[in-house]
């Protein structure tokens, strides 16, 4: 089992499955990922933010260990291969990155997003609100520490991502 934060790209579970692994989504945040790793016995956990957790390292986050694995993978390729060429095949989707909006009422703003988009796809409330379709997904979730609503959007291409991102921001910021 491999744990990944729910705002990671759709390529993550696709690659895990294609390599014989079992992907498991987690709420965003190291405490949630580490708890889920311990619960499931997962060998690895990763977050969109670049934190990587290893079972063999007591489920702890280690950038150093992640870098060593990346260097090892690069060492097993042709001498002319670059790191960017190694990861280019994983850049299949277009992401907005995390966009923060100050809102007076995060619950009301999330309800408006749900009202606007829910009929288009599947709803998931693992962490905030996620709506998924075959060509895009979006997640809105409140910050735990600030009066912010965090939006992440991913689409099959730039036009789809930009359209959904802009529509969602319009709803959130009105």
N, C-alpha and C. Protein backbone atom coordinates (compact mmCIF):
# COMPACT_ATOMS: atom_id res chain seq x y z
N UNK A 1 0.84 -1.19 0.00
CA UNK A 1 0.00 0.00 0.00
C UNK A 1 0.88 1.25 0.00
N UNK A 2 0.47 2.22 -0.80
CA UNK A 2 1.13 3.52 -0.89
C UNK A 2 0.07 4.57 -0.55
N UNK A 3 0.39 5.44 0.41
CA UNK A 3 -0.52 6.49 0.82
C UNK A 3 -0.16 7.78 0.08
N UNK A 4 -1.18 8.50 -0.40
CA UNK A 4 -0.92 9.79 -1.05
C UNK A 4 -2.01 10.78 -0.65
N UNK A 5 -1.63 12.06 -0.54
CA UNK A 5 -2.61 13.07 -0.15
C UNK A 5 -3.59 13.29 -1.30
N UNK A 6 -4.84 13.53 -0.94
CA UNK A 6 -5.91 13.57 -1.93
C UNK A 6 -5.78 14.69 -2.94
N UNK A 7 -4.94 15.68 -2.71
CA UNK A 7 -4.78 16.72 -3.72
C UNK A 7 -3.55 16.47 -4.61
N UNK A 8 -3.01 15.28 -4.54
CA UNK A 8 -1.95 14.89 -5.47
C UNK A 8 -2.57 14.63 -6.83
N UNK A 9 -1.77 14.68 -7.86
CA UNK A 9 -2.23 14.45 -9.22
C UNK A 9 -2.83 13.05 -9.39
N UNK A 10 -3.75 12.94 -10.34
CA UNK A 10 -4.33 11.63 -10.68
C UNK A 10 -3.27 10.66 -11.20
N UNK A 11 -2.14 11.19 -11.65
CA UNK A 11 -1.08 10.30 -12.14
C UNK A 11 -0.54 9.42 -11.02
N UNK A 12 -0.63 9.90 -9.77
CA UNK A 12 -0.06 9.16 -8.64
C UNK A 12 -0.72 7.78 -8.49
N UNK A 13 -2.05 7.69 -8.31
CA UNK A 13 -2.63 6.35 -8.19
C UNK A 13 -2.49 5.52 -9.47
N UNK A 14 -2.48 6.20 -10.63
CA UNK A 14 -2.31 5.47 -11.89
C UNK A 14 -0.94 4.77 -11.92
N UNK A 15 0.11 5.47 -11.52
CA UNK A 15 1.46 4.90 -11.53
C UNK A 15 1.59 3.83 -10.46
N UNK A 16 1.01 4.06 -9.30
CA UNK A 16 1.06 3.05 -8.23
C UNK A 16 0.44 1.75 -8.72
N UNK A 17 -0.77 1.84 -9.31
CA UNK A 17 -1.46 0.63 -9.82
C UNK A 17 -0.65 -0.03 -10.94
N UNK A 18 -0.11 0.77 -11.86
CA UNK A 18 0.62 0.19 -13.00
C UNK A 18 1.90 -0.53 -12.56
N UNK A 19 2.35 -0.24 -11.35
CA UNK A 19 3.54 -0.91 -10.81
C UNK A 19 3.19 -1.97 -9.78
N UNK A 20 1.91 -2.36 -9.73
CA UNK A 20 1.48 -3.45 -8.86
C UNK A 20 1.18 -3.05 -7.43
N UNK A 21 1.15 -1.74 -7.16
CA UNK A 21 0.86 -1.28 -5.80
C UNK A 21 -0.61 -1.01 -5.58
N UNK A 22 -0.94 -0.73 -4.34
CA UNK A 22 -2.32 -0.40 -3.96
C UNK A 22 -2.32 1.04 -3.45
N UNK A 23 -2.93 1.97 -4.21
CA UNK A 23 -2.97 3.36 -3.77
C UNK A 23 -4.06 3.57 -2.72
N UNK A 24 -3.78 4.45 -1.77
CA UNK A 24 -4.76 4.78 -0.73
C UNK A 24 -4.70 6.28 -0.46
N UNK A 25 -5.83 6.97 -0.67
CA UNK A 25 -5.89 8.43 -0.48
C UNK A 25 -5.94 8.78 1.00
N UNK A 26 -5.37 9.93 1.31
CA UNK A 26 -5.34 10.42 2.68
C UNK A 26 -5.72 11.90 2.70
N UNK A 27 -6.19 12.35 3.85
CA UNK A 27 -6.35 13.77 4.07
C UNK A 27 -4.98 14.43 3.95
N UNK A 28 -4.98 15.73 3.69
CA UNK A 28 -3.74 16.47 3.58
C UNK A 28 -3.15 16.68 4.98
N UNK A 29 -1.85 16.45 5.10
CA UNK A 29 -1.16 16.71 6.36
C UNK A 29 -0.39 15.50 6.85
N UNK A 30 0.79 15.77 7.40
CA UNK A 30 1.67 14.67 7.79
C UNK A 30 1.06 13.78 8.86
N UNK A 31 0.30 14.35 9.79
CA UNK A 31 -0.26 13.51 10.86
C UNK A 31 -1.26 12.50 10.30
N UNK A 32 -2.03 12.90 9.28
CA UNK A 32 -3.00 11.98 8.68
C UNK A 32 -2.30 10.89 7.88
N UNK A 33 -1.29 11.27 7.13
CA UNK A 33 -0.56 10.29 6.32
C UNK A 33 0.17 9.29 7.20
N UNK A 34 0.86 9.78 8.22
CA UNK A 34 1.59 8.88 9.11
C UNK A 34 0.65 7.93 9.84
N UNK A 35 -0.50 8.43 10.28
CA UNK A 35 -1.47 7.57 10.96
C UNK A 35 -2.00 6.50 10.02
N UNK A 36 -2.30 6.88 8.77
CA UNK A 36 -2.82 5.92 7.80
C UNK A 36 -1.74 4.90 7.43
N UNK A 37 -0.49 5.33 7.37
CA UNK A 37 0.60 4.38 7.10
C UNK A 37 0.68 3.35 8.21
N UNK A 38 0.61 3.80 9.45
CA UNK A 38 0.69 2.87 10.59
C UNK A 38 -0.50 1.92 10.59
N UNK A 39 -1.67 2.45 10.28
CA UNK A 39 -2.91 1.67 10.26
C UNK A 39 -2.89 0.57 9.20
N UNK A 40 -2.33 0.89 8.02
CA UNK A 40 -2.39 -0.03 6.89
C UNK A 40 -1.09 -0.81 6.67
N UNK A 41 -0.01 -0.40 7.35
CA UNK A 41 1.28 -1.03 7.09
C UNK A 41 1.89 -0.60 5.77
N UNK A 42 1.48 0.57 5.28
CA UNK A 42 1.97 1.07 3.99
C UNK A 42 3.49 1.19 3.99
N UNK A 43 4.07 0.94 2.82
CA UNK A 43 5.53 1.03 2.72
C UNK A 43 6.00 2.45 2.45
N UNK A 44 5.08 3.30 1.96
CA UNK A 44 5.48 4.65 1.57
C UNK A 44 4.27 5.56 1.62
N UNK A 45 4.52 6.83 1.90
CA UNK A 45 3.49 7.86 1.85
C UNK A 45 4.08 9.11 1.24
N UNK A 46 3.26 9.82 0.47
CA UNK A 46 3.75 11.04 -0.15
C UNK A 46 2.69 12.11 -0.18
N UNK A 47 3.14 13.35 -0.10
CA UNK A 47 2.23 14.49 -0.18
C UNK A 47 2.58 15.33 -1.40
N UNK A 48 1.58 16.04 -1.90
CA UNK A 48 1.77 16.95 -3.02
C UNK A 48 2.83 18.00 -2.72
N UNK A 49 3.02 18.30 -1.45
CA UNK A 49 3.95 19.35 -1.01
C UNK A 49 5.41 18.91 -1.04
N UNK A 50 5.66 17.65 -1.37
CA UNK A 50 7.03 17.17 -1.45
C UNK A 50 7.53 16.49 -0.19
N UNK A 51 6.63 16.14 0.71
CA UNK A 51 7.03 15.37 1.89
C UNK A 51 6.87 13.89 1.57
N UNK A 52 7.88 13.10 1.90
CA UNK A 52 7.89 11.68 1.59
C UNK A 52 8.18 10.89 2.85
N UNK A 53 7.33 9.89 3.13
CA UNK A 53 7.39 9.13 4.37
C UNK A 53 7.71 7.67 4.04
N UNK A 54 8.64 7.08 4.78
CA UNK A 54 9.12 5.74 4.50
C UNK A 54 8.89 4.82 5.70
N UNK A 55 8.25 3.67 5.45
CA UNK A 55 8.03 2.71 6.52
C UNK A 55 9.35 2.29 7.17
N UNK A 56 10.36 2.06 6.35
CA UNK A 56 11.65 1.63 6.87
C UNK A 56 12.41 2.73 7.61
N UNK A 57 11.82 3.92 7.65
CA UNK A 57 12.40 5.06 8.36
C UNK A 57 11.39 5.53 9.41
N UNK A 58 10.73 4.56 10.04
CA UNK A 58 9.75 4.77 11.11
C UNK A 58 8.58 5.66 10.68
N UNK A 59 8.17 5.54 9.42
CA UNK A 59 7.10 6.35 8.83
C UNK A 59 7.42 7.84 8.88
N UNK A 60 8.68 8.16 9.02
CA UNK A 60 9.09 9.57 9.12
C UNK A 60 9.34 10.15 7.73
N UNK A 61 9.21 11.46 7.66
CA UNK A 61 9.47 12.23 6.45
C UNK A 61 10.98 12.37 6.30
N UNK A 62 11.49 12.07 5.10
CA UNK A 62 12.92 12.23 4.87
C UNK A 62 13.18 12.69 3.45
N UNK A 63 13.53 13.95 3.31
CA UNK A 63 13.92 14.48 2.01
C UNK A 63 15.22 13.85 1.54
N UNK A 64 16.10 13.56 2.47
CA UNK A 64 17.39 12.96 2.14
C UNK A 64 17.20 11.57 1.53
N UNK A 65 16.36 10.75 2.15
CA UNK A 65 16.11 9.41 1.64
C UNK A 65 15.42 9.48 0.27
N UNK A 66 14.47 10.41 0.12
CA UNK A 66 13.79 10.59 -1.16
C UNK A 66 14.80 10.98 -2.25
N UNK A 67 15.71 11.88 -1.92
CA UNK A 67 16.73 12.31 -2.88
C UNK A 67 17.64 11.14 -3.27
N UNK A 68 18.01 10.31 -2.31
CA UNK A 68 18.86 9.16 -2.61
C UNK A 68 18.16 8.17 -3.53
N UNK A 69 16.86 7.94 -3.31
CA UNK A 69 16.10 7.07 -4.21
C UNK A 69 16.02 7.67 -5.61
N UNK A 70 15.83 8.99 -5.70
CA UNK A 70 15.76 9.65 -7.01
C UNK A 70 17.10 9.54 -7.73
N UNK A 71 18.19 9.75 -7.02
CA UNK A 71 19.52 9.64 -7.62
C UNK A 71 19.78 8.20 -8.07
N UNK A 72 19.34 7.25 -7.28
CA UNK A 72 19.50 5.84 -7.65
C UNK A 72 18.72 5.53 -8.93
N UNK A 73 17.49 6.04 -9.02
CA UNK A 73 16.68 5.81 -10.23
C UNK A 73 17.36 6.42 -11.44
N UNK A 74 17.90 7.61 -11.28
CA UNK A 74 18.60 8.26 -12.38
C UNK A 74 19.84 7.46 -12.78
N UNK A 75 20.50 6.87 -11.80
CA UNK A 75 21.69 6.06 -12.06
C UNK A 75 21.39 4.78 -12.83
N UNK A 76 20.14 4.34 -12.82
CA UNK A 76 19.76 3.13 -13.54
C UNK A 76 19.21 3.42 -14.93
N UNK A 77 19.39 4.65 -15.41
CA UNK A 77 18.95 5.02 -16.76
C UNK A 77 20.18 5.19 -17.64
N UNK A 78 19.94 5.53 -18.89
CA UNK A 78 21.08 5.75 -19.79
C UNK A 78 21.87 6.98 -19.33
N UNK A 79 23.13 7.02 -19.71
CA UNK A 79 24.00 8.12 -19.26
C UNK A 79 23.53 9.47 -19.75
N UNK A 80 22.82 9.50 -20.87
CA UNK A 80 22.36 10.77 -21.42
C UNK A 80 21.04 11.24 -20.79
N UNK A 81 20.40 10.40 -19.99
CA UNK A 81 19.12 10.77 -19.39
C UNK A 81 19.30 11.86 -18.33
N UNK A 82 18.35 12.76 -18.31
CA UNK A 82 18.33 13.80 -17.28
C UNK A 82 17.17 13.52 -16.33
N UNK A 83 17.22 14.14 -15.17
CA UNK A 83 16.13 13.94 -14.22
C UNK A 83 14.81 14.43 -14.82
N UNK A 84 14.85 15.57 -15.52
CA UNK A 84 13.61 16.09 -16.12
C UNK A 84 13.06 15.13 -17.18
N UNK A 85 13.94 14.46 -17.93
CA UNK A 85 13.45 13.49 -18.92
C UNK A 85 12.86 12.26 -18.23
N UNK A 86 13.41 11.91 -17.07
CA UNK A 86 12.91 10.76 -16.31
C UNK A 86 11.49 11.00 -15.80
N UNK A 87 11.19 12.23 -15.38
CA UNK A 87 9.87 12.51 -14.81
C UNK A 87 8.87 13.07 -15.82
N UNK A 88 9.32 13.39 -17.04
CA UNK A 88 8.42 14.01 -18.02
C UNK A 88 7.19 13.16 -18.33
N UNK A 89 7.32 11.85 -18.30
CA UNK A 89 6.18 10.97 -18.60
C UNK A 89 5.10 11.03 -17.53
N UNK A 90 5.42 11.62 -16.38
CA UNK A 90 4.44 11.74 -15.31
C UNK A 90 3.71 13.08 -15.33
N UNK A 91 4.04 13.93 -16.26
CA UNK A 91 3.38 15.24 -16.37
C UNK A 91 2.22 15.14 -17.37
N UNK A 92 1.27 14.33 -17.03
CA UNK A 92 0.15 14.02 -17.92
C UNK A 92 -1.00 15.01 -17.77
N UNK A 93 -1.17 15.58 -16.58
CA UNK A 93 -2.29 16.45 -16.29
C UNK A 93 -1.81 17.86 -15.95
N UNK A 94 -2.74 18.81 -15.99
CA UNK A 94 -2.42 20.21 -15.71
C UNK A 94 -3.06 20.60 -14.38
N UNK A 95 -2.26 21.16 -13.49
CA UNK A 95 -2.72 21.49 -12.14
C UNK A 95 -2.68 22.99 -11.89
N UNK A 96 -3.62 23.46 -11.10
CA UNK A 96 -3.67 24.88 -10.73
C UNK A 96 -2.67 25.24 -9.65
N UNK A 97 -2.21 24.24 -8.90
CA UNK A 97 -1.50 24.54 -7.67
C UNK A 97 -2.54 24.97 -6.64
N UNK A 98 -2.11 25.15 -5.41
CA UNK A 98 -3.05 25.51 -4.35
C UNK A 98 -3.29 27.02 -4.37
N UNK A 99 -4.56 27.41 -4.46
CA UNK A 99 -4.95 28.82 -4.52
C UNK A 99 -5.74 29.14 -3.26
N UNK A 100 -5.26 30.10 -2.48
CA UNK A 100 -5.92 30.49 -1.24
C UNK A 100 -6.81 31.70 -1.46
N UNK A 101 -8.00 31.65 -0.89
CA UNK A 101 -8.93 32.78 -0.94
C UNK A 101 -9.41 33.10 0.46
N UNK A 102 -9.36 34.38 0.84
CA UNK A 102 -9.92 34.80 2.12
C UNK A 102 -11.43 34.87 1.96
N UNK A 103 -12.12 34.19 2.84
CA UNK A 103 -13.59 34.20 2.82
C UNK A 103 -14.09 34.38 4.24
N UNK A 104 -15.27 34.99 4.35
CA UNK A 104 -15.85 35.21 5.68
C UNK A 104 -16.35 33.91 6.29
N UNK A 105 -16.90 33.03 5.44
CA UNK A 105 -17.51 31.80 5.91
C UNK A 105 -17.11 30.65 4.99
N UNK A 106 -16.13 29.85 5.41
CA UNK A 106 -15.64 28.77 4.55
C UNK A 106 -16.73 27.76 4.23
N UNK A 107 -17.59 27.47 5.21
CA UNK A 107 -18.67 26.51 4.98
C UNK A 107 -19.63 26.97 3.90
N UNK A 108 -19.99 28.25 3.95
CA UNK A 108 -20.92 28.80 2.95
C UNK A 108 -20.27 28.81 1.56
N UNK A 109 -19.00 29.16 1.51
CA UNK A 109 -18.30 29.18 0.22
C UNK A 109 -18.21 27.77 -0.36
N UNK A 110 -17.93 26.77 0.49
CA UNK A 110 -17.87 25.39 0.01
C UNK A 110 -19.24 24.92 -0.48
N UNK A 111 -20.29 25.34 0.21
CA UNK A 111 -21.65 24.96 -0.20
C UNK A 111 -21.97 25.54 -1.58
N UNK A 112 -21.50 26.75 -1.86
CA UNK A 112 -21.73 27.36 -3.17
C UNK A 112 -20.97 26.61 -4.26
N UNK A 113 -19.75 26.19 -3.95
CA UNK A 113 -18.98 25.40 -4.92
C UNK A 113 -19.69 24.08 -5.19
N UNK A 114 -20.18 23.45 -4.14
CA UNK A 114 -20.91 22.19 -4.31
C UNK A 114 -22.15 22.39 -5.17
N UNK A 115 -22.89 23.45 -4.89
CA UNK A 115 -24.11 23.75 -5.66
C UNK A 115 -23.79 23.94 -7.14
N UNK A 116 -22.69 24.60 -7.44
CA UNK A 116 -22.32 24.89 -8.82
C UNK A 116 -21.79 23.65 -9.56
N UNK A 117 -21.03 22.77 -8.89
CA UNK A 117 -20.33 21.71 -9.60
C UNK A 117 -20.79 20.28 -9.30
N UNK A 118 -21.53 20.06 -8.24
CA UNK A 118 -21.83 18.69 -7.78
C UNK A 118 -22.52 17.84 -8.83
N UNK A 119 -23.40 18.44 -9.62
CA UNK A 119 -24.14 17.67 -10.62
C UNK A 119 -23.25 17.15 -11.76
N UNK A 120 -22.02 17.63 -11.82
CA UNK A 120 -21.12 17.26 -12.91
C UNK A 120 -20.29 16.01 -12.63
N UNK A 121 -20.16 15.63 -11.36
CA UNK A 121 -19.28 14.50 -11.06
C UNK A 121 -19.55 13.86 -9.72
N UNK A 122 -18.60 13.04 -9.30
CA UNK A 122 -18.70 12.34 -8.02
C UNK A 122 -18.23 13.25 -6.89
N UNK A 123 -18.90 13.16 -5.75
CA UNK A 123 -18.56 13.96 -4.58
C UNK A 123 -17.86 13.10 -3.55
N UNK A 124 -16.84 13.68 -2.93
CA UNK A 124 -16.06 13.01 -1.89
C UNK A 124 -15.79 14.04 -0.80
N UNK A 125 -15.95 13.67 0.45
CA UNK A 125 -15.73 14.60 1.56
C UNK A 125 -14.62 14.12 2.50
N UNK A 126 -13.65 13.41 1.98
CA UNK A 126 -12.54 12.94 2.82
C UNK A 126 -11.82 14.10 3.49
N UNK A 127 -11.61 15.18 2.75
CA UNK A 127 -10.95 16.38 3.29
C UNK A 127 -11.53 17.58 2.53
N UNK A 128 -12.50 18.24 3.14
CA UNK A 128 -13.18 19.32 2.45
C UNK A 128 -14.16 18.72 1.45
N UNK A 129 -14.18 19.27 0.25
CA UNK A 129 -15.08 18.82 -0.80
C UNK A 129 -14.27 18.55 -2.06
N UNK A 130 -14.37 17.34 -2.57
CA UNK A 130 -13.73 16.99 -3.84
C UNK A 130 -14.83 16.59 -4.81
N UNK A 131 -14.76 17.14 -6.01
CA UNK A 131 -15.68 16.76 -7.08
C UNK A 131 -14.82 16.27 -8.23
N UNK A 132 -15.10 15.05 -8.70
CA UNK A 132 -14.28 14.42 -9.75
C UNK A 132 -15.13 14.06 -10.95
N UNK A 133 -14.58 14.32 -12.14
CA UNK A 133 -15.19 13.88 -13.39
C UNK A 133 -14.13 13.10 -14.16
N UNK A 134 -14.45 12.68 -15.36
CA UNK A 134 -13.48 11.93 -16.15
C UNK A 134 -12.36 12.82 -16.70
N UNK A 135 -12.58 14.15 -16.74
CA UNK A 135 -11.57 15.04 -17.33
C UNK A 135 -10.99 16.07 -16.36
N UNK A 136 -11.54 16.19 -15.16
CA UNK A 136 -11.01 17.13 -14.17
C UNK A 136 -11.49 16.75 -12.78
N UNK A 137 -10.82 17.34 -11.78
CA UNK A 137 -11.29 17.27 -10.39
C UNK A 137 -10.94 18.58 -9.72
N UNK A 138 -11.71 18.89 -8.67
CA UNK A 138 -11.38 20.04 -7.85
C UNK A 138 -11.56 19.66 -6.39
N UNK A 139 -10.80 20.33 -5.55
CA UNK A 139 -10.93 20.15 -4.10
C UNK A 139 -10.91 21.53 -3.46
N UNK A 140 -11.87 21.78 -2.58
CA UNK A 140 -11.86 22.98 -1.74
C UNK A 140 -11.88 22.50 -0.30
N UNK A 141 -11.02 23.10 0.50
CA UNK A 141 -10.97 22.73 1.91
C UNK A 141 -10.55 23.94 2.71
N UNK A 142 -11.10 24.06 3.91
CA UNK A 142 -10.72 25.21 4.74
C UNK A 142 -9.35 25.00 5.36
N UNK A 143 -8.64 26.10 5.54
CA UNK A 143 -7.39 26.06 6.28
C UNK A 143 -7.72 25.78 7.74
N UNK A 144 -6.85 25.05 8.39
CA UNK A 144 -7.06 24.78 9.82
C UNK A 144 -6.55 25.92 10.69
N UNK A 145 -5.80 26.84 10.10
CA UNK A 145 -5.14 27.88 10.90
C UNK A 145 -5.48 29.31 10.50
N UNK A 146 -6.11 29.49 9.33
CA UNK A 146 -6.40 30.84 8.83
C UNK A 146 -7.80 30.87 8.23
N UNK A 147 -8.40 32.07 8.08
CA UNK A 147 -9.72 32.16 7.45
C UNK A 147 -9.60 32.08 5.92
N UNK A 148 -9.09 30.96 5.46
CA UNK A 148 -8.85 30.76 4.03
C UNK A 148 -9.55 29.51 3.54
N UNK A 149 -9.91 29.55 2.27
CA UNK A 149 -10.40 28.37 1.58
C UNK A 149 -9.34 28.04 0.54
N UNK A 150 -8.91 26.79 0.52
CA UNK A 150 -7.85 26.37 -0.40
C UNK A 150 -8.48 25.60 -1.56
N UNK A 151 -8.15 26.02 -2.78
CA UNK A 151 -8.67 25.40 -3.99
C UNK A 151 -7.54 24.75 -4.76
N UNK A 152 -7.77 23.52 -5.19
CA UNK A 152 -6.87 22.80 -6.10
C UNK A 152 -7.72 22.26 -7.23
N UNK A 153 -7.23 22.43 -8.46
CA UNK A 153 -7.94 21.94 -9.64
C UNK A 153 -6.93 21.22 -10.52
N UNK A 154 -7.35 20.11 -11.11
CA UNK A 154 -6.51 19.42 -12.09
C UNK A 154 -7.39 19.03 -13.27
N UNK A 155 -6.85 19.21 -14.48
CA UNK A 155 -7.59 18.86 -15.68
C UNK A 155 -6.73 18.09 -16.66
N UNK A 156 -7.40 17.49 -17.63
CA UNK A 156 -6.68 16.75 -18.67
C UNK A 156 -5.82 17.67 -19.53
N UNK A 157 -6.23 18.94 -19.64
CA UNK A 157 -5.43 19.90 -20.39
C UNK A 157 -5.60 21.29 -19.77
N UNK A 158 -4.83 22.24 -20.28
CA UNK A 158 -4.81 23.58 -19.72
C UNK A 158 -6.17 24.27 -19.83
N UNK A 159 -6.85 24.10 -20.96
CA UNK A 159 -8.14 24.77 -21.15
C UNK A 159 -9.16 24.29 -20.13
N UNK A 160 -9.22 23.00 -19.90
CA UNK A 160 -10.17 22.45 -18.92
C UNK A 160 -9.83 22.95 -17.52
N UNK A 161 -8.56 22.84 -17.14
CA UNK A 161 -8.17 23.27 -15.80
C UNK A 161 -8.48 24.74 -15.59
N UNK A 162 -8.12 25.59 -16.54
CA UNK A 162 -8.35 27.03 -16.40
C UNK A 162 -9.83 27.36 -16.29
N UNK A 163 -10.65 26.70 -17.09
CA UNK A 163 -12.10 26.95 -17.05
C UNK A 163 -12.68 26.59 -15.69
N UNK A 164 -12.36 25.42 -15.18
CA UNK A 164 -12.89 24.99 -13.88
C UNK A 164 -12.32 25.85 -12.76
N UNK A 165 -11.02 26.12 -12.81
CA UNK A 165 -10.39 26.99 -11.79
C UNK A 165 -11.06 28.36 -11.74
N UNK A 166 -11.24 28.97 -12.91
CA UNK A 166 -11.82 30.32 -12.95
C UNK A 166 -13.27 30.32 -12.48
N UNK A 167 -14.05 29.32 -12.89
CA UNK A 167 -15.44 29.23 -12.43
C UNK A 167 -15.50 29.03 -10.92
N UNK A 168 -14.64 28.17 -10.40
CA UNK A 168 -14.64 27.92 -8.95
C UNK A 168 -14.23 29.17 -8.18
N UNK A 169 -13.21 29.87 -8.66
CA UNK A 169 -12.77 31.10 -7.98
C UNK A 169 -13.86 32.17 -8.01
N UNK A 170 -14.57 32.25 -9.11
CA UNK A 170 -15.67 33.22 -9.21
C UNK A 170 -16.73 32.91 -8.15
N UNK A 171 -17.07 31.65 -7.99
CA UNK A 171 -18.06 31.24 -6.99
C UNK A 171 -17.54 31.51 -5.57
N UNK A 172 -16.30 31.16 -5.32
CA UNK A 172 -15.71 31.31 -3.98
C UNK A 172 -15.60 32.77 -3.59
N UNK A 173 -15.22 33.63 -4.53
CA UNK A 173 -14.90 35.03 -4.21
C UNK A 173 -16.06 35.99 -4.38
N UNK A 174 -17.24 35.51 -4.73
CA UNK A 174 -18.38 36.43 -4.91
C UNK A 174 -18.99 36.84 -3.60
